Amino acid sequence: MEKTLADELRGIDMKVIWGVVFGVVALFGGQTIVQILSEFLSNQGGLGGEGIGFLFLKAVETFALTAGVACIAYFLMTGRHRNKNSNELMLWGAGILIGTALLGALLGVGLLPDFSRASQGGGYPLFRLLSAVISAYAATHSFAQIISALLIGSALALQIERSLHSQLADKANA
């Protein structure tokens, strides 16, 4: 069986991954290096309640984009994209991001993309759809919010993958 990105990343401790995510998101979120280091040092190099709370608030603030990135990242990390053509991948990407926007609207959580401000680029129709969806998110999210959603969503996908992988390994060994 061919190795996936998740297999390659499994050797990195999630404590380190979440620490890096916190550090970058906190920097973009306006925290100082001293505040970030204080969080790590007071929690033996990991995240405590304040750090976890900070990431949680950033994830809620960008719920639709964070959830969409988490779904797409999980799809890519686990190799489920390998047998798909580019048309399917663009459709899946746009569908996931539209779906998480609808979920965010239904739940009344986080910043939602403004599809009325989406740019209509040229080119292939499925590429235009994906491009329009991404531009709708870009029109309503700041650069810092986009970075936060990308990092938190990717780390969440990896955390979920590891949890599911562990459960499957436990069942196989039982």
C-alpha atoms as a PDB file:
ATOM      1  CA  MET A   1       0.000   0.000   0.000  1.00  0.00           C
ATOM      2  CA  GLU A   2       1.332   3.429  -0.939  1.00  0.00           C
ATOM      3  CA  LYS A   3       2.219   5.780   1.921  1.00  0.00           C
ATOM      4  CA  THR A   4       0.033   8.817   2.484  1.00  0.00           C
ATOM      5  CA  LEU A   5       0.926  12.262   3.772  1.00  0.00           C
ATOM      6  CA  ALA A   6      -0.692  11.275   7.073  1.00  0.00           C
ATOM      7  CA  ASP A   7       1.679   8.296   7.306  1.00  0.00           C
ATOM      8  CA  GLU A   8       4.644  10.603   6.737  1.00  0.00           C
ATOM      9  CA  LEU A   9       3.468  13.095   9.387  1.00  0.00           C
ATOM     10  CA  ARG A  10       2.598  10.487  12.021  1.00  0.00           C
ATOM     11  CA  GLY A  11       6.123  10.662  13.441  1.00  0.00           C
ATOM     12  CA  ILE A  12       5.636  14.282  14.526  1.00  0.00           C
ATOM     13  CA  ASP A  13       4.081  14.666  17.964  1.00  0.00           C
ATOM     14  CA  MET A  14       0.706  16.448  17.874  1.00  0.00           C
ATOM     15  CA  LYS A  15       1.891  18.568  20.809  1.00  0.00           C
ATOM     16  CA  VAL A  16       4.542  20.032  18.482  1.00  0.00           C
ATOM     17  CA  ILE A  17       2.078  20.499  15.622  1.00  0.00           C
ATOM     18  CA  TRP A  18      -0.468  22.293  17.835  1.00  0.00           C
ATOM     19  CA  GLY A  19       2.344  24.356  19.346  1.00  0.00           C
ATOM     20  CA  VAL A  20       3.472  25.565  15.921  1.00  0.00           C
ATOM     21  CA  VAL A  21      -0.133  26.252  14.903  1.00  0.00           C
ATOM     22  CA  PHE A  22      -0.684  28.246  18.090  1.00  0.00           C
ATOM     23  CA  GLY A  23       2.544  30.210  17.627  1.00  0.00           C
ATOM     24  CA  VAL A  24       1.786  31.240  14.062  1.00  0.00           C
ATOM     25  CA  VAL A  25      -1.921  31.935  14.659  1.00  0.00           C
ATOM     26  CA  ALA A  26      -1.096  33.928  17.792  1.00  0.00           C
ATOM     27  CA  LEU A  27       1.479  36.017  15.914  1.00  0.00           C
ATOM     28  CA  PHE A  28      -1.049  36.779  13.185  1.00  0.00           C
ATOM     29  CA  GLY A  29      -3.636  37.376  15.898  1.00  0.00           C
ATOM     30  CA  GLY A  30      -1.607  40.176  17.442  1.00  0.00           C
ATOM     31  CA  GLN A  31       0.024  38.417  20.397  1.00  0.00           C
ATOM     32  CA  THR A  32       3.622  39.217  21.208  1.00  0.00           C
ATOM     33  CA  ILE A  33       6.501  36.747  21.278  1.00  0.00           C
ATOM     34  CA  VAL A  34       6.593  37.142  25.066  1.00  0.00           C
ATOM     35  CA  GLN A  35       2.906  36.145  25.371  1.00  0.00           C
ATOM     36  CA  ILE A  36       3.429  33.149  23.105  1.00  0.00           C
ATOM     37  CA  LEU A  37       6.537  31.976  24.956  1.00  0.00           C
ATOM     38  CA  SER A  38       4.759  32.480  28.258  1.00  0.00           C
ATOM     39  CA  GLU A  39       2.020  30.086  27.120  1.00  0.00           C
ATOM     40  CA  PHE A  40       4.581  27.410  26.180  1.00  0.00           C
ATOM     41  CA  LEU A  41       6.765  27.811  29.251  1.00  0.00           C
ATOM     42  CA  SER A  42       3.884  27.771  31.702  1.00  0.00           C
ATOM     43  CA  ASN A  43       2.619  24.505  30.175  1.00  0.00           C
ATOM     44  CA  GLN A  44       5.854  22.515  29.802  1.00  0.00           C
ATOM     45  CA  GLY A  45       6.169  23.265  26.080  1.00  0.00           C
ATOM     46  CA  GLY A  46       2.536  22.552  25.268  1.00  0.00           C
ATOM     47  CA  LEU A  47      -0.712  24.446  25.222  1.00  0.00           C
ATOM     48  CA  GLY A  48      -2.707  25.172  28.330  1.00  0.00           C
ATOM     49  CA  GLY A  49      -6.221  26.468  28.745  1.00  0.00           C
ATOM     50  CA  GLU A  50      -5.427  29.923  27.393  1.00  0.00           C
ATOM     51  CA  GLY A  51      -3.738  28.615  24.239  1.00  0.00           C
ATOM     52  CA  ILE A  52      -6.444  26.067  23.561  1.00  0.00           C
ATOM     53  CA  GLY A  53      -9.112  28.689  24.214  1.00  0.00           C
ATOM     54  CA  PHE A  54      -7.408  31.100  21.826  1.00  0.00           C
ATOM     55  CA  LEU A  55      -7.314  28.496  19.023  1.00  0.00           C
ATOM     56  CA  PHE A  56     -10.917  27.524  19.745  1.00  0.00           C
ATOM     57  CA  LEU A  57     -12.063  31.140  19.398  1.00  0.00           C
ATOM     58  CA  LYS A  58     -10.146  31.514  16.127  1.00  0.00           C
ATOM     59  CA  ALA A  59     -11.692  28.273  14.830  1.00  0.00           C
ATOM     60  CA  VAL A  60     -15.206  29.465  15.760  1.00  0.00           C
ATOM     61  CA  GLU A  61     -14.558  32.891  14.233  1.00  0.00           C
ATOM     62  CA  THR A  62     -13.657  31.222  10.925  1.00  0.00           C
ATOM     63  CA  PHE A  63     -15.859  28.139  11.368  1.00  0.00           C
ATOM     64  CA  ALA A  64     -16.934  27.598   7.747  1.00  0.00           C
ATOM     65  CA  LEU A  65     -13.446  27.999   6.303  1.00  0.00           C
ATOM     66  CA  THR A  66     -11.771  26.031   9.110  1.00  0.00           C
ATOM     67  CA  ALA A  67     -14.248  23.150   8.753  1.00  0.00           C
ATOM     68  CA  GLY A  68     -13.884  23.202   4.963  1.00  0.00           C
ATOM     69  CA  VAL A  69     -10.094  23.141   5.182  1.00  0.00           C
ATOM     70  CA  ALA A  70     -10.262  20.301   7.738  1.00  0.00           C
ATOM     71  CA  CYS A  71     -12.417  18.196   5.378  1.00  0.00           C
ATOM     72  CA  ILE A  72     -10.252  18.920   2.341  1.00  0.00           C
ATOM     73  CA  ALA A  73      -7.010  18.373   4.281  1.00  0.00           C
ATOM     74  CA  TYR A  74      -8.282  15.030   5.634  1.00  0.00           C
ATOM     75  CA  PHE A  75      -9.236  14.005   2.090  1.00  0.00           C
ATOM     76  CA  LEU A  76      -5.738  14.894   0.829  1.00  0.00           C
ATOM     77  CA  MET A  77      -3.748  13.576   3.817  1.00  0.00           C
ATOM     78  CA  THR A  78      -5.364  10.160   3.658  1.00  0.00           C
ATOM     79  CA  GLY A  79      -4.777   9.772  -0.084  1.00  0.00           C
ATOM     80  CA  ARG A  80      -8.448   9.696  -1.036  1.00  0.00           C
ATOM     81  CA  HIS A  81      -7.683  12.100  -3.879  1.00  0.00           C
ATOM     82  CA  ARG A  82      -5.350   9.716  -5.700  1.00  0.00           C
ATOM     83  CA  ASN A  83      -7.886   8.084  -8.007  1.00  0.00           C
ATOM     84  CA  LYS A  84      -9.804  11.253  -8.773  1.00  0.00           C
ATOM     85  CA  ASN A  85      -9.383  13.411 -11.842  1.00  0.00           C
ATOM     86  CA  SER A  86      -8.961  17.185 -11.647  1.00  0.00           C
ATOM     87  CA  ASN A  87     -12.644  17.800 -12.452  1.00  0.00           C
ATOM     88  CA  GLU A  88     -13.765  15.682  -9.512  1.00  0.00           C
ATOM     89  CA  LEU A  89     -11.251  17.322  -7.193  1.00  0.00           C
ATOM     90  CA  MET A  90     -12.373  20.853  -8.120  1.00  0.00           C
ATOM     91  CA  LEU A  91     -16.020  19.870  -7.693  1.00  0.00           C
ATOM     92  CA  TRP A  92     -15.323  18.216  -4.330  1.00  0.00           C
ATOM     93  CA  GLY A  93     -13.326  21.232  -3.121  1.00  0.00           C
ATOM     94  CA  ALA A  94     -16.021  23.720  -4.125  1.00  0.00           C
ATOM     95  CA  GLY A  95     -18.772  21.480  -2.748  1.00  0.00           C
ATOM     96  CA  ILE A  96     -17.072  21.072   0.610  1.00  0.00           C
ATOM     97  CA  LEU A  97     -16.475  24.821   0.981  1.00  0.00           C
ATOM     98  CA  ILE A  98     -20.067  25.625  -0.032  1.00  0.00           C
ATOM     99  CA  GLY A  99     -21.359  22.919   2.320  1.00  0.00           C
ATOM    100  CA  THR A 100     -19.407  24.211   5.303  1.00  0.00           C
ATOM    101  CA  ALA A 101     -20.628  27.743   4.527  1.00  0.00           C
ATOM    102  CA  LEU A 102     -24.202  26.442   4.602  1.00  0.00           C
ATOM    103  CA  LEU A 103     -23.487  24.604   7.853  1.00  0.00           C
ATOM    104  CA  GLY A 104     -22.012  27.751   9.389  1.00  0.00           C
ATOM    105  CA  ALA A 105     -25.081  29.736   8.304  1.00  0.00           C
ATOM    106  CA  LEU A 106     -27.423  27.078   9.672  1.00  0.00           C
ATOM    107  CA  LEU A 107     -25.610  27.040  13.012  1.00  0.00           C
ATOM    108  CA  GLY A 108     -25.152  30.802  13.032  1.00  0.00           C
ATOM    109  CA  VAL A 109     -21.446  30.390  13.722  1.00  0.00           C
ATOM    110  CA  GLY A 110     -18.471  32.299  12.396  1.00  0.00           C
ATOM    111  CA  LEU A 111     -17.713  34.484   9.453  1.00  0.00           C
ATOM    112  CA  LEU A 112     -19.477  33.407   6.266  1.00  0.00           C
ATOM    113  CA  PRO A 113     -18.253  33.860   2.698  1.00  0.00           C
ATOM    114  CA  ASP A 114     -19.972  36.574   0.683  1.00  0.00           C
ATOM    115  CA  PHE A 115     -20.868  34.832  -2.558  1.00  0.00           C
ATOM    116  CA  SER A 116     -22.238  38.070  -3.997  1.00  0.00           C
ATOM    117  CA  ARG A 117     -18.667  39.435  -3.954  1.00  0.00           C
ATOM    118  CA  ALA A 118     -17.127  36.358  -5.564  1.00  0.00           C
ATOM    119  CA  SER A 119     -15.056  37.087  -8.646  1.00  0.00           C
ATOM    120  CA  GLN A 120     -16.057  35.384 -11.840  1.00  0.00           C
ATOM    121  CA  GLY A 121     -12.788  34.482 -13.522  1.00  0.00           C
ATOM    122  CA  GLY A 122     -12.460  32.924 -16.936  1.00  0.00           C
ATOM    123  CA  GLY A 123     -11.473  29.448 -17.940  1.00  0.00           C
ATOM    124  CA  TYR A 124     -12.836  26.010 -17.376  1.00  0.00           C
ATOM    125  CA  PRO A 125     -16.299  25.980 -15.678  1.00  0.00           C
ATOM    126  CA  LEU A 126     -15.321  23.808 -12.688  1.00  0.00           C
ATOM    127  CA  PHE A 127     -12.201  25.911 -12.146  1.00  0.00           C
ATOM    128  CA  ARG A 128     -14.369  29.041 -12.253  1.00  0.00           C
ATOM    129  CA  LEU A 129     -16.689  27.517  -9.633  1.00  0.00           C
ATOM    130  CA  LEU A 130     -13.838  26.677  -7.264  1.00  0.00           C
ATOM    131  CA  SER A 131     -12.207  30.052  -7.923  1.00  0.00           C
ATOM    132  CA  ALA A 132     -15.486  31.874  -7.190  1.00  0.00           C
ATOM    133  CA  VAL A 133     -15.965  29.986  -3.918  1.00  0.00           C
ATOM    134  CA  ILE A 134     -12.402  30.723  -2.789  1.00  0.00           C
ATOM    135  CA  SER A 135     -12.767  34.395  -3.749  1.00  0.00           C
ATOM    136  CA  ALA A 136     -16.021  34.597  -1.740  1.00  0.00           C
ATOM    137  CA  TYR A 137     -14.104  33.469   1.343  1.00  0.00           C
ATOM    138  CA  ALA A 138     -11.231  35.846   0.541  1.00  0.00           C
ATOM    139  CA  ALA A 139     -13.674  38.746   0.233  1.00  0.00           C
ATOM    140  CA  THR A 140     -14.881  38.319   3.822  1.00  0.00           C
ATOM    141  CA  HIS A 141     -11.834  36.989   5.657  1.00  0.00           C
ATOM    142  CA  SER A 142      -8.663  38.877   6.512  1.00  0.00           C
ATOM    143  CA  PHE A 143      -5.269  37.400   5.655  1.00  0.00           C
ATOM    144  CA  ALA A 144      -4.758  36.509   9.345  1.00  0.00           C
ATOM    145  CA  GLN A 145      -8.139  34.723   9.453  1.00  0.00           C
ATOM    146  CA  ILE A 146      -7.307  32.745   6.307  1.00  0.00           C
ATOM    147  CA  ILE A 147      -3.930  31.689   7.747  1.00  0.00           C
ATOM    148  CA  SER A 148      -5.638  30.724  11.030  1.00  0.00           C
ATOM    149  CA  ALA A 149      -8.285  28.638   9.248  1.00  0.00           C
ATOM    150  CA  LEU A 150      -5.695  26.898   7.051  1.00  0.00           C
ATOM    151  CA  LEU A 151      -3.470  25.968   9.987  1.00  0.00           C
ATOM    152  CA  ILE A 152      -6.181  25.019  12.478  1.00  0.00           C
ATOM    153  CA  GLY A 153      -8.163  23.092   9.852  1.00  0.00           C
ATOM    154  CA  SER A 154      -5.094  21.145   8.729  1.00  0.00           C
ATOM    155  CA  ALA A 155      -4.094  20.324  12.317  1.00  0.00           C
ATOM    156  CA  LEU A 156      -7.662  19.212  13.088  1.00  0.00           C
ATOM    157  CA  ALA A 157      -7.638  16.928  10.044  1.00  0.00           C
ATOM    158  CA  LEU A 158      -4.363  15.385  11.174  1.00  0.00           C
ATOM    159  CA  GLN A 159      -5.660  14.978  14.748  1.00  0.00           C
ATOM    160  CA  ILE A 160      -8.819  13.236  13.468  1.00  0.00           C
ATOM    161  CA  GLU A 161      -6.810  11.017  11.128  1.00  0.00           C
ATOM    162  CA  ARG A 162      -4.526   9.945  13.968  1.00  0.00           C
ATOM    163  CA  SER A 163      -7.466   9.172  16.219  1.00  0.00           C
ATOM    164  CA  LEU A 164      -9.174   7.064  13.543  1.00  0.00           C
ATOM    165  CA  HIS A 165      -5.894   5.353  12.608  1.00  0.00           C
ATOM    166  CA  SER A 166      -5.295   4.476  16.272  1.00  0.00           C
ATOM    167  CA  GLN A 167      -8.790   3.050  16.638  1.00  0.00           C
ATOM    168  CA  LEU A 168      -8.391   0.911  13.499  1.00  0.00           C
ATOM    169  CA  ALA A 169      -4.985  -0.323  14.683  1.00  0.00           C
ATOM    170  CA  ASP A 170      -6.479  -1.249  18.073  1.00  0.00           C
ATOM    171  CA  LYS A 171      -9.267  -3.227  16.375  1.00  0.00           C
ATOM    172  CA  ALA A 172      -6.782  -4.993  14.107  1.00  0.00           C
ATOM    173  CA  ASN A 173      -4.641  -6.004  17.103  1.00  0.00           C
ATOM    174  CA  ALA A 174      -7.613  -7.203  19.172  1.00  0.00           C
END
